[in-house]
Protein backbone atom coordinates (compact mmCIF):
# COMPACT_ATOMS: atom_id res chain seq x y z
CA UNK A 1 -35.31 -9.02 -28.48
CA UNK A 2 -31.74 -9.99 -27.76
CA UNK A 3 -30.74 -10.05 -24.13
CA UNK A 4 -28.39 -7.18 -23.14
CA UNK A 5 -26.59 -9.70 -20.90
CA UNK A 6 -25.82 -12.82 -22.91
CA UNK A 7 -23.48 -13.81 -20.03
CA UNK A 8 -24.87 -14.40 -16.53
CA UNK A 9 -23.98 -11.79 -13.96
CA UNK A 10 -22.07 -14.35 -11.86
CA UNK A 11 -20.02 -15.29 -14.90
CA UNK A 12 -19.19 -11.63 -15.57
CA UNK A 13 -18.17 -11.24 -11.94
CA UNK A 14 -15.95 -14.37 -12.17
CA UNK A 15 -14.31 -13.02 -15.35
CA UNK A 16 -13.64 -9.62 -13.62
CA UNK A 17 -12.13 -11.19 -10.48
CA UNK A 18 -9.96 -13.67 -12.39
CA UNK A 19 -8.73 -10.92 -14.69
CA UNK A 20 -7.63 -8.75 -11.73
CA UNK A 21 -6.24 -11.57 -9.57
CA UNK A 22 -4.85 -13.95 -12.24
CA UNK A 23 -6.31 -17.07 -10.64
CA UNK A 24 -9.59 -19.00 -10.27
CA UNK A 25 -9.43 -19.48 -6.49
CA UNK A 26 -10.07 -15.83 -5.47
CA UNK A 27 -13.19 -15.77 -7.66
CA UNK A 28 -14.37 -19.04 -6.20
CA UNK A 29 -13.91 -17.77 -2.65
CA UNK A 30 -15.73 -14.47 -3.29
CA UNK A 31 -18.61 -16.01 -5.19
CA UNK A 32 -18.98 -18.95 -2.78
CA UNK A 33 -18.63 -21.59 -5.53
CA UNK A 34 -16.02 -24.21 -6.45
CA UNK A 35 -13.01 -23.54 -8.64
CA UNK A 36 -14.54 -25.91 -11.16
CA UNK A 37 -17.69 -23.76 -11.31
CA UNK A 38 -15.59 -20.68 -12.03
CA UNK A 39 -13.77 -22.51 -14.79
CA UNK A 40 -17.12 -23.47 -16.33
CA UNK A 41 -18.19 -19.76 -16.15
CA UNK A 42 -15.16 -18.73 -18.10
CA UNK A 43 -15.50 -21.54 -20.69
CA UNK A 44 -19.18 -20.83 -21.34
CA UNK A 45 -18.59 -17.06 -21.55
CA UNK A 46 -15.91 -17.58 -24.19
CA UNK A 47 -18.26 -19.88 -26.13
CA UNK A 48 -21.06 -17.34 -26.09
CA UNK A 49 -18.81 -14.44 -26.98
CA UNK A 50 -16.92 -16.36 -29.64
CA UNK A 51 -13.50 -15.13 -28.38
CA UNK A 52 -10.90 -16.27 -25.93
CA UNK A 53 -10.69 -14.06 -22.82
CA UNK A 54 -7.59 -15.49 -21.06
CA UNK A 55 -4.16 -16.69 -21.92
CA UNK A 56 -3.40 -19.78 -19.83
CA UNK A 57 0.21 -19.43 -18.54
CA UNK A 58 2.31 -21.38 -15.93
CA UNK A 59 2.05 -18.34 -13.65
CA UNK A 60 -1.78 -18.03 -13.97
CA UNK A 61 -4.52 -16.65 -16.24
CA UNK A 62 -3.72 -13.41 -18.03
CA UNK A 63 -6.49 -11.35 -19.69
CA UNK A 64 -6.08 -11.10 -23.47
CA UNK A 65 -6.20 -7.61 -25.10
CA UNK A 66 -9.99 -7.57 -25.66
CA UNK A 67 -10.75 -8.31 -22.03
CA UNK A 68 -7.92 -6.12 -20.78
CA UNK A 69 -9.41 -3.14 -22.64
CA UNK A 70 -12.81 -3.42 -20.94
CA UNK A 71 -11.66 -4.57 -17.49
CA UNK A 72 -11.75 -1.02 -15.98
CA UNK A 73 -15.42 -0.76 -17.07
CA UNK A 74 -16.29 -4.11 -15.58
CA UNK A 75 -14.61 -3.29 -12.27
CA UNK A 76 -16.25 0.14 -12.15
CA UNK A 77 -19.61 -1.42 -13.01
CA UNK A 78 -19.47 -3.90 -10.10
CA UNK A 79 -18.28 -1.20 -7.71
CA UNK A 80 -21.30 0.92 -8.76
CA UNK A 81 -23.61 -2.03 -8.14
CA UNK A 82 -22.11 -2.45 -4.65
CA UNK A 83 -22.68 1.22 -3.91
CA UNK A 84 -26.26 0.95 -5.15
CA UNK A 85 -26.95 -1.99 -2.86
CA UNK A 86 -25.38 -0.20 0.03
CA UNK A 87 -27.64 2.71 -0.69
CA UNK A 88 -30.70 0.41 -0.54
CA UNK A 89 -29.52 -1.04 2.77
CA UNK A 90 -28.42 2.28 4.21
CA UNK A 91 -24.70 3.07 3.97
CA UNK A 92 -22.78 2.84 7.23
CA UNK A 93 -21.28 6.29 7.29
CA UNK A 94 -20.26 5.80 10.88
CA UNK A 95 -17.47 3.33 10.24
CA UNK A 96 -14.41 3.82 8.00
CA UNK A 97 -12.82 0.39 7.10
CA UNK A 98 -9.16 0.96 6.26
CA UNK A 99 -6.50 -1.60 5.26
CA UNK A 100 -2.79 -0.66 5.92
CA UNK A 101 0.56 -2.27 6.25
CA UNK A 102 2.21 -2.80 9.63
CA UNK A 103 4.92 -0.15 9.30
CA UNK A 104 2.53 2.65 8.30
CA UNK A 105 0.16 1.59 11.08
CA UNK A 106 2.71 1.31 13.89
CA UNK A 107 5.13 4.08 12.94
CA UNK A 108 2.73 6.81 11.75
CA UNK A 109 -0.99 6.21 11.75
CA UNK A 110 -1.52 4.85 15.27
CA UNK A 111 0.01 7.92 16.86
CA UNK A 112 -2.22 10.33 14.90
CA UNK A 113 -5.53 8.59 14.18
CA UNK A 114 -6.94 10.06 17.45
CA UNK A 115 -6.72 13.51 15.82
CA UNK A 116 -9.07 12.30 13.06
CA UNK A 117 -11.54 10.81 15.50
CA UNK A 118 -11.45 13.93 17.64
CA UNK A 119 -12.35 16.02 14.61
CA UNK A 120 -15.01 13.53 13.55
CA UNK A 121 -16.38 11.67 16.63
CA UNK A 122 -19.21 10.27 14.65
CA UNK A 123 -16.82 8.11 12.55
CA UNK A 124 -15.21 4.94 13.93
CA UNK A 125 -12.01 3.85 12.16
CA UNK A 126 -11.49 0.12 11.85
CA UNK A 127 -7.93 -0.93 10.81
CA UNK A 128 -7.13 -4.10 8.87
CA UNK A 129 -3.32 -4.35 9.38
CA UNK A 130 -1.87 -6.76 6.85
CA UNK A 131 0.97 -7.15 4.43
CA UNK A 132 -1.37 -8.65 1.90
CA UNK A 133 -2.87 -6.44 -0.84
CA UNK A 134 -6.56 -6.96 -0.16
CA UNK A 135 -9.20 -6.65 -2.79
CA UNK A 136 -10.52 -3.01 -2.39
CA UNK A 137 -13.66 -3.78 -4.34
CA UNK A 138 -14.88 -5.72 -1.32
CA UNK A 139 -17.90 -4.05 0.28
CA UNK A 140 -16.29 -4.23 3.78
CA UNK A 141 -13.33 -2.10 2.74
CA UNK A 142 -13.53 1.66 2.08
CA UNK A 143 -9.91 2.45 1.25
CA UNK A 144 -6.29 1.44 1.91
CA UNK A 145 -2.83 2.86 2.31
CA UNK A 146 -0.26 1.18 0.09
CA UNK A 147 3.44 1.66 -0.50
CA UNK A 148 4.66 1.54 -4.06
CA UNK A 149 4.64 3.43 -7.33
CA UNK A 150 0.90 4.06 -7.32
CA UNK A 151 0.29 1.91 -10.36
CA UNK A 152 -2.27 -0.65 -9.29
CA UNK A 153 -4.80 -1.80 -11.91
CA UNK A 154 -8.39 -0.95 -11.12
CA UNK A 155 -7.49 1.45 -8.28
CA UNK A 156 -7.33 5.21 -7.83
CA UNK A 157 -4.15 6.18 -6.03
CA UNK A 158 -3.34 9.61 -4.44
CA UNK A 159 0.21 10.15 -3.13
CA UNK A 160 0.25 11.22 0.50
CA UNK A 161 4.06 11.19 1.16
CA UNK A 162 6.99 9.01 1.93
CA UNK A 163 9.20 9.37 -1.15
CA UNK A 164 12.27 10.77 0.68
CA UNK A 165 14.48 8.20 2.46
CA UNK A 166 17.95 7.95 4.07
CA UNK A 167 19.91 5.92 6.61
CA UNK A 168 18.90 6.07 10.27
CA UNK A 169 20.44 4.62 13.43
CA UNK A 170 20.54 4.96 17.17
CA UNK A 171 22.70 7.80 18.63
CA UNK A 172 25.48 5.51 19.89
CA UNK A 173 25.87 4.04 16.42
CA UNK A 174 25.83 7.45 14.82
CA UNK A 175 28.93 8.42 16.81
CA UNK A 176 30.93 5.97 14.71
CA UNK A 177 29.83 7.51 11.41
CA UNK A 178 31.53 10.61 10.18
CA UNK A 179 31.31 9.92 6.41
CA UNK A 180 29.47 7.35 4.26
CA UNK A 181 32.60 5.14 3.98
CA UNK A 182 32.23 4.47 7.74
CA UNK A 183 29.23 2.30 7.02
CA UNK A 184 31.67 -0.50 6.33
CA UNK A 185 32.65 -0.43 10.04
CA UNK A 186 29.20 -0.89 11.51
CA UNK A 187 26.31 -3.39 10.95
CA UNK A 188 23.86 -2.43 8.19
CA UNK A 189 20.41 -3.86 8.84
CA UNK A 190 18.93 -5.71 5.87
CA UNK A 191 15.14 -5.37 5.44
CA UNK A 192 14.02 -8.14 3.05
CA UNK A 193 10.67 -6.36 2.44
CA UNK A 194 12.02 -2.93 1.52
CA UNK A 195 11.62 -1.12 -1.77
CA UNK A 196 14.16 1.47 -0.77
CA UNK A 197 17.38 1.40 -2.80
CA UNK A 198 20.70 1.44 -1.03
CA UNK A 199 22.31 1.53 -4.51
CA UNK A 200 20.52 4.86 -5.40
CA UNK A 201 21.56 6.39 -2.10
CA UNK A 202 25.18 5.21 -2.45
CA UNK A 203 25.38 6.70 -5.93
CA UNK A 204 23.96 9.93 -4.66
CA UNK A 205 26.53 10.35 -1.85
CA UNK A 206 29.42 8.86 -3.89
CA UNK A 207 29.92 5.79 -1.81
CA UNK A 208 31.97 3.17 -3.72
CA UNK A 209 29.70 0.31 -4.79
CA UNK A 210 32.60 -2.08 -4.04
CA UNK A 211 32.36 -1.32 -0.31
CA UNK A 212 30.40 -4.25 1.20
CA UNK A 213 27.62 -3.44 3.73
CA UNK A 214 26.58 -6.33 5.96
CA UNK A 215 24.44 -6.80 9.06
CA UNK A 216 21.41 -8.58 10.52
CA UNK A 217 18.46 -9.46 8.23
CA UNK A 218 14.81 -9.05 9.00
CA UNK A 219 11.79 -10.21 7.09
CA UNK A 220 9.48 -7.79 8.92
CA UNK A 221 9.88 -4.04 8.26
CA UNK A 222 8.57 -3.00 11.68
CA UNK A 223 11.11 -5.26 13.46
CA UNK A 224 13.86 -3.84 11.28
CA UNK A 225 13.01 -0.33 12.64
CA UNK A 226 13.02 -1.69 16.20
CA UNK A 227 16.39 -3.22 15.47
CA UNK A 228 17.82 0.16 14.46
CA UNK A 229 16.33 1.82 17.57
CA UNK A 230 17.91 -0.94 19.72
CA UNK A 231 21.43 -0.06 18.43
CA UNK A 232 21.75 -3.16 16.13
CA UNK A 233 22.93 -1.13 13.12
CA UNK A 234 22.00 1.32 10.36
CA UNK A 235 18.72 1.01 8.52
CA UNK A 236 17.48 2.64 5.26
CA UNK A 237 14.16 4.22 6.14
CA UNK A 238 11.57 6.55 4.64
CA UNK A 239 11.71 9.97 6.32
CA UNK A 240 7.98 9.87 6.94
CA UNK A 241 8.27 6.62 8.90
CA UNK A 242 11.34 7.61 10.91
CA UNK A 243 10.27 11.18 11.73
CA UNK A 244 8.77 10.48 15.16
CA UNK A 245 11.78 8.36 16.32
CA UNK A 246 14.13 11.10 15.06
CA UNK A 247 12.25 13.88 16.78
CA UNK A 248 12.29 12.15 20.14
CA UNK A 249 15.95 11.09 19.89
CA UNK A 250 15.60 7.36 19.49
CA UNK A 251 17.03 7.56 16.00
CA UNK A 252 19.21 10.08 14.15
CA UNK A 253 20.09 10.60 10.51
CA UNK A 254 23.79 10.47 10.56
CA UNK A 255 24.50 11.89 7.13
CA UNK A 256 21.39 14.10 6.70
CA UNK A 257 21.30 13.26 3.00
CA UNK A 258 17.91 12.08 1.77
CA UNK A 259 17.16 10.92 -1.78
CA UNK A 260 13.86 10.74 -3.51
CA UNK A 261 12.62 7.45 -4.73
CA UNK A 262 9.80 6.50 -7.17
CA UNK A 263 7.76 4.86 -4.35
CA UNK A 264 5.63 6.48 -1.73
CA UNK A 265 2.54 5.97 0.48
CA UNK A 266 -0.73 6.25 -1.43
CA UNK A 267 -4.37 6.47 -0.43
CA UNK A 268 -6.04 3.92 -2.68
CA UNK A 269 -9.67 3.26 -3.54
CA UNK A 270 -11.42 1.03 -6.05
CA UNK A 271 -12.16 2.73 -9.40
CA UNK A 272 -15.83 3.47 -9.87
CA UNK A 273 -16.65 3.66 -6.17
CA UNK A 274 -18.42 6.84 -5.14
CA UNK A 275 -16.66 8.94 -2.55
CA UNK A 276 -18.59 8.84 0.66
CA UNK A 277 -18.50 11.53 3.32
CA UNK A 278 -16.31 9.48 5.63
CA UNK A 279 -13.82 8.79 2.84
CA UNK A 280 -13.75 12.48 1.79
CA UNK A 281 -13.14 13.56 5.35
CA UNK A 282 -10.31 11.01 5.79
CA UNK A 283 -8.73 12.16 2.53
CA UNK A 284 -8.89 15.79 3.61
CA UNK A 285 -7.42 14.94 6.96
CA UNK A 286 -4.46 13.02 5.47
CA UNK A 287 -3.74 15.97 3.10
CA UNK A 288 -3.43 18.25 6.07
CA UNK A 289 -1.81 15.88 8.60
CA UNK A 290 1.03 14.47 6.53
CA UNK A 291 2.66 17.83 5.89
CA UNK A 292 1.91 18.93 9.46
CA UNK A 293 3.68 15.90 10.87
CA UNK A 294 6.78 16.60 8.68
CA UNK A 295 6.79 20.24 9.82
CA UNK A 296 6.48 19.18 13.39
CA UNK A 297 9.67 17.15 13.05
CA UNK A 298 11.54 20.07 11.40
CA UNK A 299 10.42 22.49 14.15
CA UNK A 300 11.49 20.04 16.94
CA UNK A 301 14.85 19.28 15.41
CA UNK A 302 15.62 22.97 14.94
CA UNK A 303 14.79 23.60 18.56
CA UNK A 304 17.44 21.16 19.80
């Protein structure tokens, strides 16, 4: 009887990781083997299957159409195996391991996560704050919050907010701004990491594209927000991330003219992973807390 697995499980895992990450090194690290061993896994798998799985390019290994078509099934299958093993060992429902970026962590989550733990004192939240997109199929990660378009291969993504954005600045800087053209008279903070489009906002408010906007440049988004608070200039920021600083008067929205972008903040999980109780409760809390935090800002600003 022919074996249902003509390719060893470690080789399948290597194929799945390389297909997702585009390189041999991540697979070698996760499997605890050398890069050469991963390369051998791929070569032997291609020989046994009689097809090529990857296109070798200067930028890395790209899955060819046959592999690309089955990659979601492979990823889901390994996620299901991890869940099964966790069930045998006893799933740690008492700890939610969450990976987030620094801006979301420092400007929104850290001020509200105590509400979640107060509602669910049996769940400890462990934050992995990083700008790197970590592999959410790892058994030590339950979910993540990512900013983007929500189109990440192998992941389920649920929008939680953050699509509206507009310029913000400290109150003394705002006094110099009566109309969008006045931006040419003040520093405009450049955030090298941002996905927010000044061009889209300028087009929306009718600001001539020829008007040059210049100011200090930061490679860290959280520092760029601090720069705006410390009166260094005007920053383009997502309303969700600036809401607290606006509500307490550290920042203002001088033109009160937001635009909607294609990006937002998403709760992301690996496809094929079962939804545990702790993840379901965190998802439900986000669905309630994100709108409530926006309403809190509106109510406070109206009261002033």
